[in-house]
């Protein structure tokens, strides 16, 4: 796959999961380079509409070009958590489907100037939206060893987190850690020859993942956005989410499971002296099992190997009065 080329993952499966209606209104919450959006638009008729968002400026340029060609398409540069404001501003009180494609895109990873990958020597930025928030370099410069350890451990699932954090602190005392190559070398020296169980993975992989997730608030954005879009789904509308690592998928899986039970599956509520048929219906229903890429897709696009697609459908039951409490 050439650098800068983004191949949408689980393209046919995700679009099929939405059950696109020609006159429906749909949301692509991660426009990227428009792979999923183009497939959705190809299934819409003249009366259909697609709203897309992305926080990345390069994605915005690609989306603006599509919007200029297709009046059925509208784009807004925004974060996941801002989706309700986007839909309200566009006067879409209800939609027929929402697709989230989590994680980073290939053009982001392959652009050395963005600092996402240790494979390219560039500035340690890592922000999907460079106009907002703190860069990875800025965080490494000011964070305590404890903060560094927690971020690398919790978001990278890195068992050598404390050793790496101490190595970063020692290195920045000599000179600022502002380049991808610097951080890769620091992590490699901190981990050393200790066995990792996966010799095919660079020692810096988990640390770079952790910093990217932290800097972009990826997990909190997902946790906020999922319950926020449900009120916009009309009965029968579909929610489809593609995740790429266990931390994301855990949030998605738990959300769908909780929203698929009355009272968010609260055990205390389940013990109340209320007949089952008197309980309020669950707002979502899981659709099928988790879908993973085929062997053929992984062979064509190795970056698809960890992808998981989960799908849920909005029921006709009203949302609980305390929504989204208990569902995040």
C-alpha atoms as a PDB file:
ATOM      1  CA  UNK A   1       0.000   0.000   0.000  1.00  0.00           C
ATOM      2  CA  UNK A   2       1.654   3.289  -1.068  1.00  0.00           C
ATOM      3  CA  UNK A   3       2.332   5.942   1.554  1.00  0.00           C
ATOM      4  CA  UNK A   4      -0.463   8.483   1.863  1.00  0.00           C
ATOM      5  CA  UNK A   5      -3.093   6.095   0.499  1.00  0.00           C
ATOM      6  CA  UNK A   6      -5.979   5.290   2.806  1.00  0.00           C
ATOM      7  CA  UNK A   7      -7.821   2.023   2.209  1.00  0.00           C
ATOM      8  CA  UNK A   8     -11.128   1.945   4.125  1.00  0.00           C
ATOM      9  CA  UNK A   9     -11.403  -1.100   6.363  1.00  0.00           C
ATOM     10  CA  UNK A  10     -14.469  -3.377   6.349  1.00  0.00           C
ATOM     11  CA  UNK A  11     -15.949  -1.132   3.668  1.00  0.00           C
ATOM     12  CA  UNK A  12     -18.656  -3.430   2.331  1.00  0.00           C
ATOM     13  CA  UNK A  13     -19.478  -4.849   5.754  1.00  0.00           C
ATOM     14  CA  UNK A  14     -19.863  -1.433   7.385  1.00  0.00           C
ATOM     15  CA  UNK A  15     -22.039   0.015   4.633  1.00  0.00           C
ATOM     16  CA  UNK A  16     -24.170  -3.135   4.544  1.00  0.00           C
ATOM     17  CA  UNK A  17     -24.605  -2.883   8.327  1.00  0.00           C
ATOM     18  CA  UNK A  18     -26.143   0.582   7.917  1.00  0.00           C
ATOM     19  CA  UNK A  19     -28.846  -0.809   5.591  1.00  0.00           C
ATOM     20  CA  UNK A  20     -28.743   2.397   3.571  1.00  0.00           C
ATOM     21  CA  UNK A  21     -32.131   3.642   2.363  1.00  0.00           C
ATOM     22  CA  UNK A  22     -32.128   5.813  -0.786  1.00  0.00           C
ATOM     23  CA  UNK A  23     -33.948   8.652   0.992  1.00  0.00           C
ATOM     24  CA  UNK A  24     -32.236   8.248   4.359  1.00  0.00           C
ATOM     25  CA  UNK A  25     -29.977  10.575   6.313  1.00  0.00           C
ATOM     26  CA  UNK A  26     -26.638   9.156   7.444  1.00  0.00           C
ATOM     27  CA  UNK A  27     -23.594  10.278   9.394  1.00  0.00           C
ATOM     28  CA  UNK A  28     -19.981   9.375   8.675  1.00  0.00           C
ATOM     29  CA  UNK A  29     -18.294  10.398  11.907  1.00  0.00           C
ATOM     30  CA  UNK A  30     -14.763   9.827  10.551  1.00  0.00           C
ATOM     31  CA  UNK A  31     -14.530  11.090   6.974  1.00  0.00           C
ATOM     32  CA  UNK A  32     -10.803  10.362   6.561  1.00  0.00           C
ATOM     33  CA  UNK A  33     -10.360  10.375   2.793  1.00  0.00           C
ATOM     34  CA  UNK A  34     -13.977   9.554   2.005  1.00  0.00           C
ATOM     35  CA  UNK A  35     -13.896   5.812   1.365  1.00  0.00           C
ATOM     36  CA  UNK A  36     -16.917   4.949   3.492  1.00  0.00           C
ATOM     37  CA  UNK A  37     -18.633   8.234   2.579  1.00  0.00           C
ATOM     38  CA  UNK A  38     -18.385   7.543  -1.155  1.00  0.00           C
ATOM     39  CA  UNK A  39     -19.812   4.057  -0.693  1.00  0.00           C
ATOM     40  CA  UNK A  40     -22.754   5.429   1.305  1.00  0.00           C
ATOM     41  CA  UNK A  41     -23.410   8.162  -1.268  1.00  0.00           C
ATOM     42  CA  UNK A  42     -23.440   5.558  -4.052  1.00  0.00           C
ATOM     43  CA  UNK A  43     -26.422   3.938  -2.328  1.00  0.00           C
ATOM     44  CA  UNK A  44     -28.342   7.148  -1.699  1.00  0.00           C
ATOM     45  CA  UNK A  45     -30.910   8.557  -4.098  1.00  0.00           C
ATOM     46  CA  UNK A  46     -31.412  12.253  -4.933  1.00  0.00           C
ATOM     47  CA  UNK A  47     -33.351  12.759  -1.694  1.00  0.00           C
ATOM     48  CA  UNK A  48     -30.779  11.117   0.561  1.00  0.00           C
ATOM     49  CA  UNK A  49     -28.288  13.017   2.696  1.00  0.00           C
ATOM     50  CA  UNK A  50     -24.895  12.280   4.209  1.00  0.00           C
ATOM     51  CA  UNK A  51     -23.287  14.356   6.960  1.00  0.00           C
ATOM     52  CA  UNK A  52     -19.593  13.788   7.658  1.00  0.00           C
ATOM     53  CA  UNK A  53     -17.245  15.121  10.305  1.00  0.00           C
ATOM     54  CA  UNK A  54     -13.519  14.853  10.932  1.00  0.00           C
ATOM     55  CA  UNK A  55     -11.141  16.851  13.078  1.00  0.00           C
ATOM     56  CA  UNK A  56      -8.184  16.503  10.699  1.00  0.00           C
ATOM     57  CA  UNK A  57      -7.474  19.521   8.425  1.00  0.00           C
ATOM     58  CA  UNK A  58      -6.310  17.348   5.513  1.00  0.00           C
ATOM     59  CA  UNK A  59      -9.520  15.318   5.717  1.00  0.00           C
ATOM     60  CA  UNK A  60     -11.435  18.607   5.657  1.00  0.00           C
ATOM     61  CA  UNK A  61      -9.793  19.584   2.354  1.00  0.00           C
ATOM     62  CA  UNK A  62     -10.802  16.275   0.769  1.00  0.00           C
ATOM     63  CA  UNK A  63     -14.346  16.569   2.145  1.00  0.00           C
ATOM     64  CA  UNK A  64     -14.777  20.139   0.905  1.00  0.00           C
ATOM     65  CA  UNK A  65     -13.940  18.977  -2.624  1.00  0.00           C
ATOM     66  CA  UNK A  66     -16.611  16.268  -2.397  1.00  0.00           C
ATOM     67  CA  UNK A  67     -19.182  18.702  -0.988  1.00  0.00           C
ATOM     68  CA  UNK A  68     -18.594  21.010  -3.950  1.00  0.00           C
ATOM     69  CA  UNK A  69     -19.489  18.164  -6.334  1.00  0.00           C
ATOM     70  CA  UNK A  70     -22.380  16.529  -4.484  1.00  0.00           C
ATOM     71  CA  UNK A  71     -25.243  18.561  -2.952  1.00  0.00           C
ATOM     72  CA  UNK A  72     -26.349  15.531  -0.919  1.00  0.00           C
ATOM     73  CA  UNK A  73     -23.160  15.753   1.132  1.00  0.00           C
ATOM     74  CA  UNK A  74     -22.358  18.149   3.969  1.00  0.00           C
ATOM     75  CA  UNK A  75     -19.117  18.281   5.975  1.00  0.00           C
ATOM     76  CA  UNK A  76     -18.155  19.970   9.212  1.00  0.00           C
ATOM     77  CA  UNK A  77     -14.742  19.896  10.858  1.00  0.00           C
ATOM     78  CA  UNK A  78     -15.503  18.678  14.373  1.00  0.00           C
ATOM     79  CA  UNK A  79     -14.672  16.163  17.086  1.00  0.00           C
ATOM     80  CA  UNK A  80     -16.873  13.152  17.882  1.00  0.00           C
ATOM     81  CA  UNK A  81     -18.249  14.825  20.993  1.00  0.00           C
ATOM     82  CA  UNK A  82     -19.447  17.781  18.879  1.00  0.00           C
ATOM     83  CA  UNK A  83     -21.679  15.653  16.646  1.00  0.00           C
ATOM     84  CA  UNK A  84     -24.929  16.666  18.399  1.00  0.00           C
ATOM     85  CA  UNK A  85     -24.134  20.341  17.745  1.00  0.00           C
ATOM     86  CA  UNK A  86     -23.328  19.599  14.094  1.00  0.00           C
ATOM     87  CA  UNK A  87     -26.588  17.722  13.526  1.00  0.00           C
ATOM     88  CA  UNK A  88     -28.608  20.390  15.309  1.00  0.00           C
ATOM     89  CA  UNK A  89     -27.011  23.138  13.220  1.00  0.00           C
ATOM     90  CA  UNK A  90     -27.863  21.238  10.037  1.00  0.00           C
ATOM     91  CA  UNK A  91     -31.458  20.725  11.252  1.00  0.00           C
ATOM     92  CA  UNK A  92     -31.219  16.932  11.269  1.00  0.00           C
ATOM     93  CA  UNK A  93     -33.328  15.987  14.259  1.00  0.00           C
ATOM     94  CA  UNK A  94     -33.169  12.308  13.320  1.00  0.00           C
ATOM     95  CA  UNK A  95     -30.888  10.195  11.166  1.00  0.00           C
ATOM     96  CA  UNK A  96     -31.033   6.647   9.823  1.00  0.00           C
ATOM     97  CA  UNK A  97     -27.504   5.553  10.614  1.00  0.00           C
ATOM     98  CA  UNK A  98     -24.173   6.593  12.108  1.00  0.00           C
ATOM     99  CA  UNK A  99     -20.779   5.105  11.272  1.00  0.00           C
ATOM    100  CA  UNK A 100     -17.675   5.543  13.443  1.00  0.00           C
ATOM    101  CA  UNK A 101     -14.319   4.434  12.027  1.00  0.00           C
ATOM    102  CA  UNK A 102     -12.004   4.867  15.012  1.00  0.00           C
ATOM    103  CA  UNK A 103      -8.243   5.266  15.126  1.00  0.00           C
ATOM    104  CA  UNK A 104      -5.890   6.942  12.672  1.00  0.00           C
ATOM    105  CA  UNK A 105      -5.877   7.035   8.877  1.00  0.00           C
ATOM    106  CA  UNK A 106      -2.990   5.916   6.674  1.00  0.00           C
ATOM    107  CA  UNK A 107      -2.232   9.467   5.432  1.00  0.00           C
ATOM    108  CA  UNK A 108      -1.867  10.616   9.043  1.00  0.00           C
ATOM    109  CA  UNK A 109       0.490   7.769   9.879  1.00  0.00           C
ATOM    110  CA  UNK A 110       2.539   8.136   6.695  1.00  0.00           C
ATOM    111  CA  UNK A 111       3.033  11.909   6.961  1.00  0.00           C
ATOM    112  CA  UNK A 112       6.325  12.466   8.806  1.00  0.00           C
ATOM    113  CA  UNK A 113       5.300  16.033   9.667  1.00  0.00           C
ATOM    114  CA  UNK A 114       2.385  14.759  11.779  1.00  0.00           C
ATOM    115  CA  UNK A 115       4.641  12.701  14.069  1.00  0.00           C
ATOM    116  CA  UNK A 116       2.331   9.703  14.457  1.00  0.00           C
ATOM    117  CA  UNK A 117       4.842   7.015  13.520  1.00  0.00           C
ATOM    118  CA  UNK A 118       8.351   6.102  14.648  1.00  0.00           C
ATOM    119  CA  UNK A 119       8.984   4.868  11.094  1.00  0.00           C
ATOM    120  CA  UNK A 120       9.507   8.468   9.963  1.00  0.00           C
ATOM    121  CA  UNK A 121      11.740  11.098  11.540  1.00  0.00           C
ATOM    122  CA  UNK A 122       9.577  14.097  12.303  1.00  0.00           C
ATOM    123  CA  UNK A 123       8.209  16.356  15.046  1.00  0.00           C
ATOM    124  CA  UNK A 124       6.463  14.675  17.975  1.00  0.00           C
ATOM    125  CA  UNK A 125       3.041  16.212  17.422  1.00  0.00           C
ATOM    126  CA  UNK A 126       0.497  13.364  17.004  1.00  0.00           C
ATOM    127  CA  UNK A 127      -2.552  15.629  17.131  1.00  0.00           C
ATOM    128  CA  UNK A 128      -5.358  14.754  14.707  1.00  0.00           C
ATOM    129  CA  UNK A 129      -6.393  18.404  15.009  1.00  0.00           C
ATOM    130  CA  UNK A 130      -3.135  20.408  15.149  1.00  0.00           C
ATOM    131  CA  UNK A 131      -5.059  23.583  15.973  1.00  0.00           C
ATOM    132  CA  UNK A 132      -6.267  22.321  19.352  1.00  0.00           C
ATOM    133  CA  UNK A 133      -4.799  20.718  22.428  1.00  0.00           C
ATOM    134  CA  UNK A 134      -1.344  19.693  23.539  1.00  0.00           C
ATOM    135  CA  UNK A 135       1.212  17.998  21.297  1.00  0.00           C
ATOM    136  CA  UNK A 136       2.986  14.822  22.362  1.00  0.00           C
ATOM    137  CA  UNK A 137       6.246  16.775  22.708  1.00  0.00           C
ATOM    138  CA  UNK A 138       4.585  19.313  25.002  1.00  0.00           C
ATOM    139  CA  UNK A 139       3.181  16.537  27.185  1.00  0.00           C
ATOM    140  CA  UNK A 140       6.549  14.760  27.396  1.00  0.00           C
ATOM    141  CA  UNK A 141       8.171  18.055  28.427  1.00  0.00           C
ATOM    142  CA  UNK A 142       5.893  18.777  31.383  1.00  0.00           C
ATOM    143  CA  UNK A 143       4.537  15.424  32.629  1.00  0.00           C
ATOM    144  CA  UNK A 144       5.800  13.859  35.839  1.00  0.00           C
ATOM    145  CA  UNK A 145       7.264  10.355  35.824  1.00  0.00           C
ATOM    146  CA  UNK A 146       4.056   9.151  37.453  1.00  0.00           C
ATOM    147  CA  UNK A 147       1.890  10.756  34.737  1.00  0.00           C
ATOM    148  CA  UNK A 148       4.078   9.321  31.985  1.00  0.00           C
ATOM    149  CA  UNK A 149       3.941   5.878  33.563  1.00  0.00           C
ATOM    150  CA  UNK A 150       0.146   5.953  33.841  1.00  0.00           C
ATOM    151  CA  UNK A 151      -0.388   7.100  30.253  1.00  0.00           C
ATOM    152  CA  UNK A 152       2.035   4.572  28.752  1.00  0.00           C
ATOM    153  CA  UNK A 153       0.689   1.767  30.949  1.00  0.00           C
ATOM    154  CA  UNK A 154      -3.029   2.507  30.653  1.00  0.00           C
ATOM    155  CA  UNK A 155      -3.250   3.549  26.995  1.00  0.00           C
ATOM    156  CA  UNK A 156      -0.395   1.465  25.596  1.00  0.00           C
ATOM    157  CA  UNK A 157      -0.839  -1.597  27.825  1.00  0.00           C
ATOM    158  CA  UNK A 158       2.940  -1.465  28.160  1.00  0.00           C
ATOM    159  CA  UNK A 159       4.417  -3.529  30.993  1.00  0.00           C
ATOM    160  CA  UNK A 160       7.698  -1.584  30.898  1.00  0.00           C
ATOM    161  CA  UNK A 161       5.878   1.742  31.338  1.00  0.00           C
ATOM    162  CA  UNK A 162       7.757   2.868  34.436  1.00  0.00           C
ATOM    163  CA  UNK A 163      11.173   2.118  32.934  1.00  0.00           C
ATOM    164  CA  UNK A 164      10.237   4.036  29.799  1.00  0.00           C
ATOM    165  CA  UNK A 165       8.871   6.987  31.800  1.00  0.00           C
ATOM    166  CA  UNK A 166      12.065   7.244  33.824  1.00  0.00           C
ATOM    167  CA  UNK A 167      14.150   7.057  30.656  1.00  0.00           C
ATOM    168  CA  UNK A 168      12.135   9.886  29.095  1.00  0.00           C
ATOM    169  CA  UNK A 169      12.589  12.025  32.211  1.00  0.00           C
ATOM    170  CA  UNK A 170      16.348  11.406  32.171  1.00  0.00           C
ATOM    171  CA  UNK A 171      16.606  12.180  28.454  1.00  0.00           C
ATOM    172  CA  UNK A 172      14.638  15.439  28.627  1.00  0.00           C
ATOM    173  CA  UNK A 173      16.968  16.645  31.402  1.00  0.00           C
ATOM    174  CA  UNK A 174      19.730  16.564  28.797  1.00  0.00           C
ATOM    175  CA  UNK A 175      17.760  17.947  25.846  1.00  0.00           C
ATOM    176  CA  UNK A 176      14.109  18.419  24.814  1.00  0.00           C
ATOM    177  CA  UNK A 177      12.459  15.280  23.426  1.00  0.00           C
ATOM    178  CA  UNK A 178      10.762  16.707  20.345  1.00  0.00           C
ATOM    179  CA  UNK A 179      11.407  14.229  17.511  1.00  0.00           C
ATOM    180  CA  UNK A 180      10.010  10.786  16.771  1.00  0.00           C
ATOM    181  CA  UNK A 181      13.459   9.296  16.345  1.00  0.00           C
ATOM    182  CA  UNK A 182      14.542  10.535  19.764  1.00  0.00           C
ATOM    183  CA  UNK A 183      11.591   8.895  21.497  1.00  0.00           C
ATOM    184  CA  UNK A 184      12.031   5.644  19.596  1.00  0.00           C
ATOM    185  CA  UNK A 185      15.675   5.446  20.686  1.00  0.00           C
ATOM    186  CA  UNK A 186      14.822   6.277  24.303  1.00  0.00           C
ATOM    187  CA  UNK A 187      12.173   3.550  24.464  1.00  0.00           C
ATOM    188  CA  UNK A 188      14.404   1.012  22.730  1.00  0.00           C
ATOM    189  CA  UNK A 189      17.207   1.608  25.221  1.00  0.00           C
ATOM    190  CA  UNK A 190      14.798   1.498  28.184  1.00  0.00           C
ATOM    191  CA  UNK A 191      13.283  -1.812  27.119  1.00  0.00           C
ATOM    192  CA  UNK A 192      16.619  -3.240  25.996  1.00  0.00           C
ATOM    193  CA  UNK A 193      16.860  -6.948  25.333  1.00  0.00           C
ATOM    194  CA  UNK A 194      14.045  -7.932  27.705  1.00  0.00           C
ATOM    195  CA  UNK A 195      11.630 -10.335  26.080  1.00  0.00           C
ATOM    196  CA  UNK A 196       8.322  -8.906  24.882  1.00  0.00           C
ATOM    197  CA  UNK A 197       6.728 -12.066  23.526  1.00  0.00           C
ATOM    198  CA  UNK A 198       6.374 -10.471  20.069  1.00  0.00           C
ATOM    199  CA  UNK A 199       9.689  -9.954  18.319  1.00  0.00           C
ATOM    200  CA  UNK A 200       7.938  -8.604  15.219  1.00  0.00           C
ATOM    201  CA  UNK A 201       6.767  -5.506  17.111  1.00  0.00           C
ATOM    202  CA  UNK A 202       9.060  -2.518  17.568  1.00  0.00           C
ATOM    203  CA  UNK A 203       9.643  -1.748  21.292  1.00  0.00           C
ATOM    204  CA  UNK A 204       8.286   1.780  20.724  1.00  0.00           C
ATOM    205  CA  UNK A 205       4.936   0.665  19.280  1.00  0.00           C
ATOM    206  CA  UNK A 206       2.960   0.689  22.523  1.00  0.00           C
ATOM    207  CA  UNK A 207       4.434   3.971  23.745  1.00  0.00           C
ATOM    208  CA  UNK A 208       3.599   5.763  20.502  1.00  0.00           C
ATOM    209  CA  UNK A 209       0.058   4.323  20.615  1.00  0.00           C
ATOM    210  CA  UNK A 210      -0.383   5.475  24.201  1.00  0.00           C
ATOM    211  CA  UNK A 211       0.733   9.032  23.507  1.00  0.00           C
ATOM    212  CA  UNK A 212      -1.468   9.275  20.413  1.00  0.00           C
ATOM    213  CA  UNK A 213      -4.550   8.079  22.300  1.00  0.00           C
ATOM    214  CA  UNK A 214      -3.856  10.424  25.225  1.00  0.00           C
ATOM    215  CA  UNK A 215      -3.072  13.518  23.156  1.00  0.00           C
ATOM    216  CA  UNK A 216      -6.222  13.114  21.054  1.00  0.00           C
ATOM    217  CA  UNK A 217      -8.470  12.072  23.953  1.00  0.00           C
ATOM    218  CA  UNK A 218      -9.562   9.193  21.751  1.00  0.00           C
ATOM    219  CA  UNK A 219     -11.162   6.992  24.396  1.00  0.00           C
ATOM    220  CA  UNK A 220     -13.067   9.784  26.115  1.00  0.00           C
ATOM    221  CA  UNK A 221     -14.300  11.073  22.755  1.00  0.00           C
ATOM    222  CA  UNK A 222     -15.717   7.653  21.911  1.00  0.00           C
ATOM    223  CA  UNK A 223     -17.284   7.265  25.344  1.00  0.00           C
ATOM    224  CA  UNK A 224     -18.976  10.664  25.012  1.00  0.00           C
ATOM    225  CA  UNK A 225     -20.061  10.321  21.384  1.00  0.00           C
ATOM    226  CA  UNK A 226     -21.779   6.927  21.460  1.00  0.00           C
ATOM    227  CA  UNK A 227     -24.577   7.861  23.877  1.00  0.00           C
ATOM    228  CA  UNK A 228     -24.739  11.372  22.409  1.00  0.00           C
ATOM    229  CA  UNK A 229     -25.761  10.161  18.930  1.00  0.00           C
ATOM    230  CA  UNK A 230     -28.383   7.638  20.040  1.00  0.00           C
ATOM    231  CA  UNK A 231     -31.102  10.306  20.576  1.00  0.00           C
ATOM    232  CA  UNK A 232     -30.668  11.264  16.913  1.00  0.00           C
ATOM    233  CA  UNK A 233     -31.247   7.733  15.629  1.00  0.00           C
ATOM    234  CA  UNK A 234     -34.792   7.098  14.489  1.00  0.00           C
ATOM    235  CA  UNK A 235     -36.363   3.706  15.274  1.00  0.00           C
ATOM    236  CA  UNK A 236     -34.660   1.101  13.113  1.00  0.00           C
ATOM    237  CA  UNK A 237     -31.610   3.322  12.602  1.00  0.00           C
ATOM    238  CA  UNK A 238     -28.222   1.646  12.792  1.00  0.00           C
ATOM    239  CA  UNK A 239     -25.082   2.442  14.782  1.00  0.00           C
ATOM    240  CA  UNK A 240     -21.922   0.860  13.316  1.00  0.00           C
ATOM    241  CA  UNK A 241     -18.513   1.206  14.966  1.00  0.00           C
ATOM    242  CA  UNK A 242     -15.146  -0.010  13.678  1.00  0.00           C
ATOM    243  CA  UNK A 243     -12.428  -0.153  16.334  1.00  0.00           C
ATOM    244  CA  UNK A 244      -8.781  -1.104  16.023  1.00  0.00           C
ATOM    245  CA  UNK A 245      -7.550  -2.010  19.477  1.00  0.00           C
ATOM    246  CA  UNK A 246      -8.887  -3.579  22.641  1.00  0.00           C
ATOM    247  CA  UNK A 247      -9.314  -0.334  24.600  1.00  0.00           C
ATOM    248  CA  UNK A 248     -11.647   1.141  21.969  1.00  0.00           C
ATOM    249  CA  UNK A 249     -13.500  -2.100  21.377  1.00  0.00           C
ATOM    250  CA  UNK A 250     -14.095  -2.575  25.100  1.00  0.00           C
ATOM    251  CA  UNK A 251     -15.859   0.804  25.289  1.00  0.00           C
ATOM    252  CA  UNK A 252     -18.017   0.005  22.255  1.00  0.00           C
ATOM    253  CA  UNK A 253     -18.872  -3.518  23.406  1.00  0.00           C
ATOM    254  CA  UNK A 254     -19.842  -2.412  26.912  1.00  0.00           C
ATOM    255  CA  UNK A 255     -21.904   0.507  25.633  1.00  0.00           C
ATOM    256  CA  UNK A 256     -23.960  -1.668  23.286  1.00  0.00           C
ATOM    257  CA  UNK A 257     -24.421  -4.290  26.005  1.00  0.00           C
ATOM    258  CA  UNK A 258     -25.620  -1.720  28.556  1.00  0.00           C
ATOM    259  CA  UNK A 259     -27.877   0.091  26.109  1.00  0.00           C
ATOM    260  CA  UNK A 260     -29.340  -3.276  25.155  1.00  0.00           C
ATOM    261  CA  UNK A 261     -30.734  -3.786  28.665  1.00  0.00           C
ATOM    262  CA  UNK A 262     -33.311  -1.831  30.695  1.00  0.00           C
ATOM    263  CA  UNK A 263     -31.731   0.435  33.320  1.00  0.00           C
ATOM    264  CA  UNK A 264     -28.328  -0.072  31.641  1.00  0.00           C
ATOM    265  CA  UNK A 265     -28.281  -3.562  33.042  1.00  0.00           C
ATOM    266  CA  UNK A 266     -28.146  -2.244  36.618  1.00  0.00           C
ATOM    267  CA  UNK A 267     -28.210  -5.334  38.906  1.00  0.00           C
ATOM    268  CA  UNK A 268     -29.970  -3.358  41.644  1.00  0.00           C
ATOM    269  CA  UNK A 269     -32.788  -2.399  39.270  1.00  0.00           C
ATOM    270  CA  UNK A 270     -33.083  -5.998  38.129  1.00  0.00           C
ATOM    271  CA  UNK A 271     -33.916  -7.023  41.713  1.00  0.00           C
ATOM    272  CA  UNK A 272     -36.819  -4.598  41.996  1.00  0.00           C
ATOM    273  CA  UNK A 273     -40.285  -6.105  42.404  1.00  0.00           C
ATOM    274  CA  UNK A 274     -41.332  -5.211  38.861  1.00  0.00           C
ATOM    275  CA  UNK A 275     -42.713  -7.627  36.280  1.00  0.00           C
ATOM    276  CA  UNK A 276     -40.405  -8.125  33.313  1.00  0.00           C
ATOM    277  CA  UNK A 277     -43.114  -6.992  30.896  1.00  0.00           C
ATOM    278  CA  UNK A 278     -43.488  -3.764  32.892  1.00  0.00           C
ATOM    279  CA  UNK A 279     -39.829  -2.800  32.530  1.00  0.00           C
ATOM    280  CA  UNK A 280     -39.017  -0.066  30.005  1.00  0.00           C
ATOM    281  CA  UNK A 281     -37.617  -1.453  26.777  1.00  0.00           C
ATOM    282  CA  UNK A 282     -33.927  -1.129  25.984  1.00  0.00           C
ATOM    283  CA  UNK A 283     -33.013   1.711  23.573  1.00  0.00           C
ATOM    284  CA  UNK A 284     -30.599  -0.376  21.498  1.00  0.00           C
ATOM    285  CA  UNK A 285     -30.434  -3.954  20.259  1.00  0.00           C
ATOM    286  CA  UNK A 286     -27.172  -5.563  19.211  1.00  0.00           C
ATOM    287  CA  UNK A 287     -27.168  -6.793  15.609  1.00  0.00           C
ATOM    288  CA  UNK A 288     -25.299 -10.041  15.083  1.00  0.00           C
ATOM    289  CA  UNK A 289     -21.812 -10.726  16.357  1.00  0.00           C
ATOM    290  CA  UNK A 290     -18.638  -8.724  16.006  1.00  0.00           C
ATOM    291  CA  UNK A 291     -17.378  -8.703  12.406  1.00  0.00           C
ATOM    292  CA  UNK A 292     -13.685  -8.978  11.559  1.00  0.00           C
ATOM    293  CA  UNK A 293     -11.889  -8.573   8.233  1.00  0.00           C
ATOM    294  CA  UNK A 294     -11.503 -11.597   6.003  1.00  0.00           C
ATOM    295  CA  UNK A 295      -8.103 -13.161   5.441  1.00  0.00           C
ATOM    296  CA  UNK A 296      -8.169 -11.740   1.917  1.00  0.00           C
ATOM    297  CA  UNK A 297      -8.714  -8.182   3.186  1.00  0.00           C
ATOM    298  CA  UNK A 298      -5.908  -8.495   5.735  1.00  0.00           C
ATOM    299  CA  UNK A 299      -3.600  -9.742   2.996  1.00  0.00           C
ATOM    300  CA  UNK A 300      -4.489  -6.737   0.823  1.00  0.00           C
ATOM    301  CA  UNK A 301      -4.348  -4.282   3.715  1.00  0.00           C
ATOM    302  CA  UNK A 302      -2.335  -5.440   6.777  1.00  0.00           C
ATOM    303  CA  UNK A 303      -3.576  -2.429   8.779  1.00  0.00           C
ATOM    304  CA  UNK A 304      -7.015  -4.076   8.813  1.00  0.00           C
ATOM    305  CA  UNK A 305      -5.860  -7.072  10.874  1.00  0.00           C
ATOM    306  CA  UNK A 306      -6.994  -5.747  14.265  1.00  0.00           C
ATOM    307  CA  UNK A 307     -10.292  -4.177  13.112  1.00  0.00           C
ATOM    308  CA  UNK A 308     -13.608  -5.134  14.737  1.00  0.00           C
ATOM    309  CA  UNK A 309     -17.032  -3.947  13.580  1.00  0.00           C
ATOM    310  CA  UNK A 310     -19.932  -3.892  16.045  1.00  0.00           C
ATOM    311  CA  UNK A 311     -23.484  -2.962  15.066  1.00  0.00           C
ATOM    312  CA  UNK A 312     -26.592  -1.993  17.026  1.00  0.00           C
ATOM    313  CA  UNK A 313     -30.100  -0.900  16.044  1.00  0.00           C
ATOM    314  CA  UNK A 314     -32.245   1.766  17.681  1.00  0.00           C
ATOM    315  CA  UNK A 315     -35.444   0.284  19.036  1.00  0.00           C
ATOM    316  CA  UNK A 316     -38.814   2.026  19.238  1.00  0.00           C
ATOM    317  CA  UNK A 317     -38.540   2.305  23.031  1.00  0.00           C
ATOM    318  CA  UNK A 318     -38.050   5.784  24.486  1.00  0.00           C
ATOM    319  CA  UNK A 319     -34.731   6.707  26.031  1.00  0.00           C
ATOM    320  CA  UNK A 320     -34.511   6.547  29.842  1.00  0.00           C
ATOM    321  CA  UNK A 321     -35.156   9.871  31.545  1.00  0.00           C
ATOM    322  CA  UNK A 322     -31.607   9.898  32.904  1.00  0.00           C
ATOM    323  CA  UNK A 323     -29.944   9.178  29.544  1.00  0.00           C
ATOM    324  CA  UNK A 324     -26.980   9.026  29.115  1.00  0.00           C
ATOM    325  CA  UNK A 325     -26.215   8.412  32.810  1.00  0.00           C
ATOM    326  CA  UNK A 326     -25.073   4.834  33.292  1.00  0.00           C
ATOM    327  CA  UNK A 327     -24.411   4.288  29.597  1.00  0.00           C
ATOM    328  CA  UNK A 328     -21.016   5.991  29.253  1.00  0.00           C
END
